[in-house]
Every structure is written in C-alpha cells, then in structure tokens.
Amino acid sequence: PSPTSQGIVDPKSDPAIAERESTVCIA
C-alpha cells in the first residue's frame, strides 16, 4: 500500500503544501 495512505509523510515534501487543503474535481 502507498505510504501516504498509512499516514506516512515524505520528509522531503514541503510542509506548507502538506498542511494546505486542496480539492480536485474530475469529470
């Protein structure tokens, strides 16, 4: 399974991006 799905955050990721909520809509 993806580490992200288990709550594991990539230490190289931008903390500001990780805390920001983003919504995606697909059609």
PDB file of all heavy atoms in Angstrom:
ATOM      1  N   PRO A   1       0.826  -1.217   0.000  1.00  0.00           N
ATOM      2  CA  PRO A   1       0.000   0.000   0.000  1.00  0.00           C
ATOM      3  C   PRO A   1       0.855   1.261   0.000  1.00  0.00           C
ATOM      4  O   PRO A   1       1.999   1.240   0.455  1.00  0.00           O
ATOM      5  CB  PRO A   1      -0.811  -0.124   1.303  1.00  0.00           C
ATOM      6  CG  PRO A   1      -0.776  -1.571   1.652  1.00  0.00           C
ATOM      7  CD  PRO A   1       0.538  -2.083   1.155  1.00  0.00           C
ATOM      8  N   SER A   2       0.307   2.330  -0.529  1.00  0.00           N
ATOM      9  CA  SER A   2       1.016   3.607  -0.549  1.00  0.00           C
ATOM     10  C   SER A   2       1.309   4.075   0.875  1.00  0.00           C
ATOM     11  O   SER A   2       0.432   4.012   1.750  1.00  0.00           O
ATOM     12  CB  SER A   2       0.162   4.653  -1.267  1.00  0.00           C
ATOM     13  OG  SER A   2       0.670   5.940  -1.045  1.00  0.00           O
ATOM     14  N   PRO A   3       2.533   4.543   1.141  1.00  0.00           N
ATOM     15  CA  PRO A   3       2.841   5.061   2.493  1.00  0.00           C
ATOM     16  C   PRO A   3       1.910   6.192   2.904  1.00  0.00           C
ATOM     17  O   PRO A   3       1.553   6.324   4.068  1.00  0.00           O
ATOM     18  CB  PRO A   3       4.295   5.543   2.355  1.00  0.00           C
ATOM     19  CG  PRO A   3       4.849   4.744   1.223  1.00  0.00           C
ATOM     20  CD  PRO A   3       3.699   4.555   0.265  1.00  0.00           C
ATOM     21  N   THR A   4       1.508   7.015   1.918  1.00  0.00           N
ATOM     22  CA  THR A   4       0.621   8.138   2.241  1.00  0.00           C
ATOM     23  C   THR A   4      -0.710   7.650   2.798  1.00  0.00           C
ATOM     24  O   THR A   4      -1.268   8.255   3.712  1.00  0.00           O
ATOM     25  CB  THR A   4       0.385   8.987   0.977  1.00  0.00           C
ATOM     26  OG1 THR A   4       1.639   9.374   0.425  1.00  0.00           O
ATOM     27  CG2 THR A   4      -0.416  10.235   1.316  1.00  0.00           C
ATOM     28  N   SER A   5      -1.212   6.535   2.263  1.00  0.00           N
ATOM     29  CA  SER A   5      -2.477   6.001   2.747  1.00  0.00           C
ATOM     30  C   SER A   5      -2.379   5.486   4.179  1.00  0.00           C
ATOM     31  O   SER A   5      -3.387   5.313   4.855  1.00  0.00           O
ATOM     32  CB  SER A   5      -2.961   4.863   1.836  1.00  0.00           C
ATOM     33  OG  SER A   5      -2.090   3.745   1.912  1.00  0.00           O
ATOM     34  N   GLN A   6      -1.153   5.258   4.636  1.00  0.00           N
ATOM     35  CA  GLN A   6      -0.932   4.796   6.010  1.00  0.00           C
ATOM     36  C   GLN A   6      -0.512   5.929   6.930  1.00  0.00           C
ATOM     37  O   GLN A   6      -0.086   5.689   8.053  1.00  0.00           O
ATOM     38  CB  GLN A   6       0.137   3.689   6.015  1.00  0.00           C
ATOM     39  CG  GLN A   6      -0.263   2.462   5.193  1.00  0.00           C
ATOM     40  CD  GLN A   6       0.835   1.433   5.119  1.00  0.00           C
ATOM     41  OE1 GLN A   6       1.999   1.759   4.899  1.00  0.00           O
ATOM     42  NE2 GLN A   6       0.484   0.169   5.315  1.00  0.00           N
ATOM     43  N   GLY A   7      -0.613   7.160   6.428  1.00  0.00           N
ATOM     44  CA  GLY A   7      -0.289   8.315   7.261  1.00  0.00           C
ATOM     45  C   GLY A   7       1.178   8.662   7.310  1.00  0.00           C
ATOM     46  O   GLY A   7       1.602   9.478   8.134  1.00  0.00           O
ATOM     47  N   ILE A   8       2.007   8.061   6.438  1.00  0.00           N
ATOM     48  CA  ILE A   8       3.439   8.342   6.415  1.00  0.00           C
ATOM     49  C   ILE A   8       3.699   9.469   5.422  1.00  0.00           C
ATOM     50  O   ILE A   8       3.350   9.371   4.253  1.00  0.00           O
ATOM     51  CB  ILE A   8       4.248   7.085   6.005  1.00  0.00           C
ATOM     52  CG1 ILE A   8       3.964   5.943   6.985  1.00  0.00           C
ATOM     53  CG2 ILE A   8       5.736   7.399   5.964  1.00  0.00           C
ATOM     54  CD1 ILE A   8       4.588   4.637   6.578  1.00  0.00           C
ATOM     55  N   VAL A   9       4.318  10.559   5.913  1.00  0.00           N
ATOM     56  CA  VAL A   9       4.553  11.741   5.091  1.00  0.00           C
ATOM     57  C   VAL A   9       5.995  11.744   4.617  1.00  0.00           C
ATOM     58  O   VAL A   9       6.922  11.470   5.374  1.00  0.00           O
ATOM     59  CB  VAL A   9       4.247  13.029   5.888  1.00  0.00           C
ATOM     60  CG1 VAL A   9       4.508  14.269   5.037  1.00  0.00           C
ATOM     61  CG2 VAL A   9       2.806  13.018   6.373  1.00  0.00           C
ATOM     62  N   ASP A  10       6.190  12.042   3.347  1.00  0.00           N
ATOM     63  CA  ASP A  10       7.537  12.136   2.785  1.00  0.00           C
ATOM     64  C   ASP A  10       8.269  13.296   3.456  1.00  0.00           C
ATOM     65  O   ASP A  10       7.812  14.443   3.407  1.00  0.00           O
ATOM     66  CB  ASP A  10       7.438  12.375   1.273  1.00  0.00           C
ATOM     67  CG  ASP A  10       8.799  12.372   0.592  1.00  0.00           C
ATOM     68  OD1 ASP A  10       9.823  12.332   1.308  1.00  0.00           O
ATOM     69  OD2 ASP A  10       8.838  12.415  -0.647  1.00  0.00           O
ATOM     70  N   PRO A  11       9.422  13.028   4.108  1.00  0.00           N
ATOM     71  CA  PRO A  11      10.132  14.121   4.805  1.00  0.00           C
ATOM     72  C   PRO A  11      10.641  15.207   3.852  1.00  0.00           C
ATOM     73  O   PRO A  11      10.917  16.326   4.284  1.00  0.00           O
ATOM     74  CB  PRO A  11      11.308  13.394   5.472  1.00  0.00           C
ATOM     75  CG  PRO A  11      11.476  12.117   4.706  1.00  0.00           C
ATOM     76  CD  PRO A  11      10.102  11.741   4.238  1.00  0.00           C
ATOM     77  N   LYS A  12      10.752  14.894   2.547  1.00  0.00           N
ATOM     78  CA  LYS A  12      11.224  15.884   1.590  1.00  0.00           C
ATOM     79  C   LYS A  12      10.115  16.805   1.105  1.00  0.00           C
ATOM     80  O   LYS A  12      10.375  17.773   0.405  1.00  0.00           O
ATOM     81  CB  LYS A  12      11.849  15.176   0.386  1.00  0.00           C
ATOM     82  CG  LYS A  12      13.083  14.359   0.732  1.00  0.00           C
ATOM     83  CD  LYS A  12      13.658  13.691  -0.511  1.00  0.00           C
ATOM     84  CE  LYS A  12      14.874  12.843  -0.165  1.00  0.00           C
ATOM     85  NZ  LYS A  12      15.432  12.180  -1.367  1.00  0.00           N
ATOM     86  N   SER A  13       8.871  16.467   1.447  1.00  0.00           N
ATOM     87  CA  SER A  13       7.760  17.282   0.968  1.00  0.00           C
ATOM     88  C   SER A  13       7.705  18.622   1.692  1.00  0.00           C
ATOM     89  O   SER A  13       8.168  18.758   2.824  1.00  0.00           O
ATOM     90  CB  SER A  13       6.434  16.540   1.158  1.00  0.00           C
ATOM     91  OG  SER A  13       6.186  16.303   2.528  1.00  0.00           O
ATOM     92  N   ASP A  14       7.126  19.587   1.023  1.00  0.00           N
ATOM     93  CA  ASP A  14       7.005  20.934   1.574  1.00  0.00           C
ATOM     94  C   ASP A  14       5.939  20.936   2.667  1.00  0.00           C
ATOM     95  O   ASP A  14       4.777  20.627   2.397  1.00  0.00           O
ATOM     96  CB  ASP A  14       6.614  21.895   0.447  1.00  0.00           C
ATOM     97  CG  ASP A  14       6.654  23.354   0.893  1.00  0.00           C
ATOM     98  OD1 ASP A  14       6.646  23.605   2.111  1.00  0.00           O
ATOM     99  OD2 ASP A  14       6.686  24.227   0.011  1.00  0.00           O
ATOM    100  N   PRO A  15       6.302  21.272   3.918  1.00  0.00           N
ATOM    101  CA  PRO A  15       5.296  21.283   4.999  1.00  0.00           C
ATOM    102  C   PRO A  15       4.113  22.192   4.699  1.00  0.00           C
ATOM    103  O   PRO A  15       2.982  21.888   5.076  1.00  0.00           O
ATOM    104  CB  PRO A  15       6.099  21.786   6.211  1.00  0.00           C
ATOM    105  CG  PRO A  15       7.530  21.500   5.877  1.00  0.00           C
ATOM    106  CD  PRO A  15       7.627  21.642   4.390  1.00  0.00           C
ATOM    107  N   ALA A  16       4.383  23.309   4.011  1.00  0.00           N
ATOM    108  CA  ALA A  16       3.290  24.233   3.693  1.00  0.00           C
ATOM    109  C   ALA A  16       2.284  23.579   2.760  1.00  0.00           C
ATOM    110  O   ALA A  16       1.070  23.762   2.904  1.00  0.00           O
ATOM    111  CB  ALA A  16       3.853  25.505   3.071  1.00  0.00           C
ATOM    112  N   ILE A  17       2.789  22.769   1.819  1.00  0.00           N
ATOM    113  CA  ILE A  17       1.897  22.073   0.895  1.00  0.00           C
ATOM    114  C   ILE A  17       1.142  20.976   1.621  1.00  0.00           C
ATOM    115  O   ILE A  17      -0.056  20.754   1.401  1.00  0.00           O
ATOM    116  CB  ILE A  17       2.695  21.486  -0.284  1.00  0.00           C
ATOM    117  CG1 ILE A  17       3.241  22.624  -1.153  1.00  0.00           C
ATOM    118  CG2 ILE A  17       1.835  20.553  -1.123  1.00  0.00           C
ATOM    119  CD1 ILE A  17       4.088  22.153  -2.306  1.00  0.00           C
ATOM    120  N   ALA A  18       1.841  20.278   2.528  1.00  0.00           N
ATOM    121  CA  ALA A  18       1.209  19.173   3.248  1.00  0.00           C
ATOM    122  C   ALA A  18       0.052  19.650   4.114  1.00  0.00           C
ATOM    123  O   ALA A  18      -0.937  18.938   4.302  1.00  0.00           O
ATOM    124  CB  ALA A  18       2.247  18.456   4.107  1.00  0.00           C
ATOM    125  N   GLU A  19       0.167  20.860   4.656  1.00  0.00           N
ATOM    126  CA  GLU A  19      -0.875  21.388   5.541  1.00  0.00           C
ATOM    127  C   GLU A  19      -2.008  22.057   4.763  1.00  0.00           C
ATOM    128  O   GLU A  19      -3.069  22.288   5.314  1.00  0.00           O
ATOM    129  CB  GLU A  19      -0.255  22.390   6.517  1.00  0.00           C
ATOM    130  CG  GLU A  19       0.726  21.736   7.503  1.00  0.00           C
ATOM    131  CD  GLU A  19       1.371  22.755   8.412  1.00  0.00           C
ATOM    132  OE1 GLU A  19       1.032  23.955   8.300  1.00  0.00           O
ATOM    133  OE2 GLU A  19       2.218  22.365   9.239  1.00  0.00           O
ATOM    134  N   ARG A  20      -1.766  22.349   3.496  1.00  0.00           N
ATOM    135  CA  ARG A  20      -2.773  23.049   2.715  1.00  0.00           C
ATOM    136  C   ARG A  20      -3.784  22.053   2.154  1.00  0.00           C
ATOM    137  O   ARG A  20      -3.418  21.009   1.626  1.00  0.00           O
ATOM    138  CB  ARG A  20      -2.108  23.810   1.573  1.00  0.00           C
ATOM    139  CG  ARG A  20      -3.088  24.680   0.780  1.00  0.00           C
ATOM    140  CD  ARG A  20      -2.349  25.631  -0.140  1.00  0.00           C
ATOM    141  NE  ARG A  20      -1.637  24.944  -1.188  1.00  0.00           N
ATOM    142  CZ  ARG A  20      -0.371  25.207  -1.540  1.00  0.00           C
ATOM    143  NH1 ARG A  20       0.316  26.122  -0.894  1.00  0.00           N
ATOM    144  NH2 ARG A  20       0.206  24.537  -2.526  1.00  0.00           N
ATOM    145  N   GLU A  21      -5.032  22.372   2.287  1.00  0.00           N
ATOM    146  CA  GLU A  21      -6.076  21.525   1.741  1.00  0.00           C
ATOM    147  C   GLU A  21      -6.302  21.859   0.273  1.00  0.00           C
ATOM    148  O   GLU A  21      -6.489  23.012  -0.087  1.00  0.00           O
ATOM    149  CB  GLU A  21      -7.388  21.716   2.519  1.00  0.00           C
ATOM    150  CG  GLU A  21      -7.339  21.173   3.937  1.00  0.00           C
ATOM    151  CD  GLU A  21      -8.700  21.238   4.603  1.00  0.00           C
ATOM    152  OE1 GLU A  21      -9.644  21.735   3.951  1.00  0.00           O
ATOM    153  OE2 GLU A  21      -8.818  20.811   5.749  1.00  0.00           O
ATOM    154  N   SER A  22      -6.263  20.822  -0.557  1.00  0.00           N
ATOM    155  CA  SER A  22      -6.503  21.003  -1.988  1.00  0.00           C
ATOM    156  C   SER A  22      -7.642  20.084  -2.407  1.00  0.00           C
ATOM    157  O   SER A  22      -7.675  18.913  -2.021  1.00  0.00           O
ATOM    158  CB  SER A  22      -5.242  20.679  -2.799  1.00  0.00           C
ATOM    159  OG  SER A  22      -4.198  21.586  -2.506  1.00  0.00           O
ATOM    160  N   THR A  23      -8.551  20.613  -3.173  1.00  0.00           N
ATOM    161  CA  THR A  23      -9.670  19.810  -3.664  1.00  0.00           C
ATOM    162  C   THR A  23      -9.552  19.659  -5.173  1.00  0.00           C
ATOM    163  O   THR A  23      -9.197  20.600  -5.873  1.00  0.00           O
ATOM    164  CB  THR A  23     -11.021  20.457  -3.314  1.00  0.00           C
ATOM    165  OG1 THR A  23     -11.029  21.809  -3.797  1.00  0.00           O
ATOM    166  CG2 THR A  23     -11.241  20.460  -1.814  1.00  0.00           C
ATOM    167  N   VAL A  24      -9.830  18.471  -5.639  1.00  0.00           N
ATOM    168  CA  VAL A  24      -9.732  18.165  -7.058  1.00  0.00           C
ATOM    169  C   VAL A  24     -11.067  17.588  -7.515  1.00  0.00           C
ATOM    170  O   VAL A  24     -11.622  16.702  -6.870  1.00  0.00           O
ATOM    171  CB  VAL A  24      -8.607  17.160  -7.341  1.00  0.00           C
ATOM    172  CG1 VAL A  24      -8.527  16.856  -8.842  1.00  0.00           C
ATOM    173  CG2 VAL A  24      -7.273  17.676  -6.829  1.00  0.00           C
ATOM    174  N   CYS A  25     -11.573  18.092  -8.628  1.00  0.00           N
ATOM    175  CA  CYS A  25     -12.812  17.585  -9.208  1.00  0.00           C
ATOM    176  C   CYS A  25     -12.499  17.079 -10.621  1.00  0.00           C
ATOM    177  O   CYS A  25     -11.864  17.781 -11.406  1.00  0.00           O
ATOM    178  CB  CYS A  25     -13.862  18.687  -9.258  1.00  0.00           C
ATOM    179  SG  CYS A  25     -15.506  18.084  -9.672  1.00  0.00           S
ATOM    180  N   ILE A  26     -12.920  15.847 -10.906  1.00  0.00           N
ATOM    181  CA  ILE A  26     -12.595  15.210 -12.184  1.00  0.00           C
ATOM    182  C   ILE A  26     -13.884  14.803 -12.892  1.00  0.00           C
ATOM    183  O   ILE A  26     -14.783  14.237 -12.272  1.00  0.00           O
ATOM    184  CB  ILE A  26     -11.708  13.974 -11.965  1.00  0.00           C
ATOM    185  CG1 ILE A  26     -10.435  14.356 -11.199  1.00  0.00           C
ATOM    186  CG2 ILE A  26     -11.334  13.329 -13.296  1.00  0.00           C
ATOM    187  CD1 ILE A  26      -9.593  13.181 -10.790  1.00  0.00           C
ATOM    188  N   ALA A  27     -13.955  15.089 -14.185  1.00  0.00           N
ATOM    189  CA  ALA A  27     -15.108  14.688 -14.995  1.00  0.00           C
ATOM    190  C   ALA A  27     -14.609  14.179 -16.336  1.00  0.00           C
ATOM    191  O   ALA A  27     -13.585  14.631 -16.842  1.00  0.00           O
ATOM    192  CB  ALA A  27     -16.064  15.859 -15.193  1.00  0.00           C
TER     193      ALA A  27
END
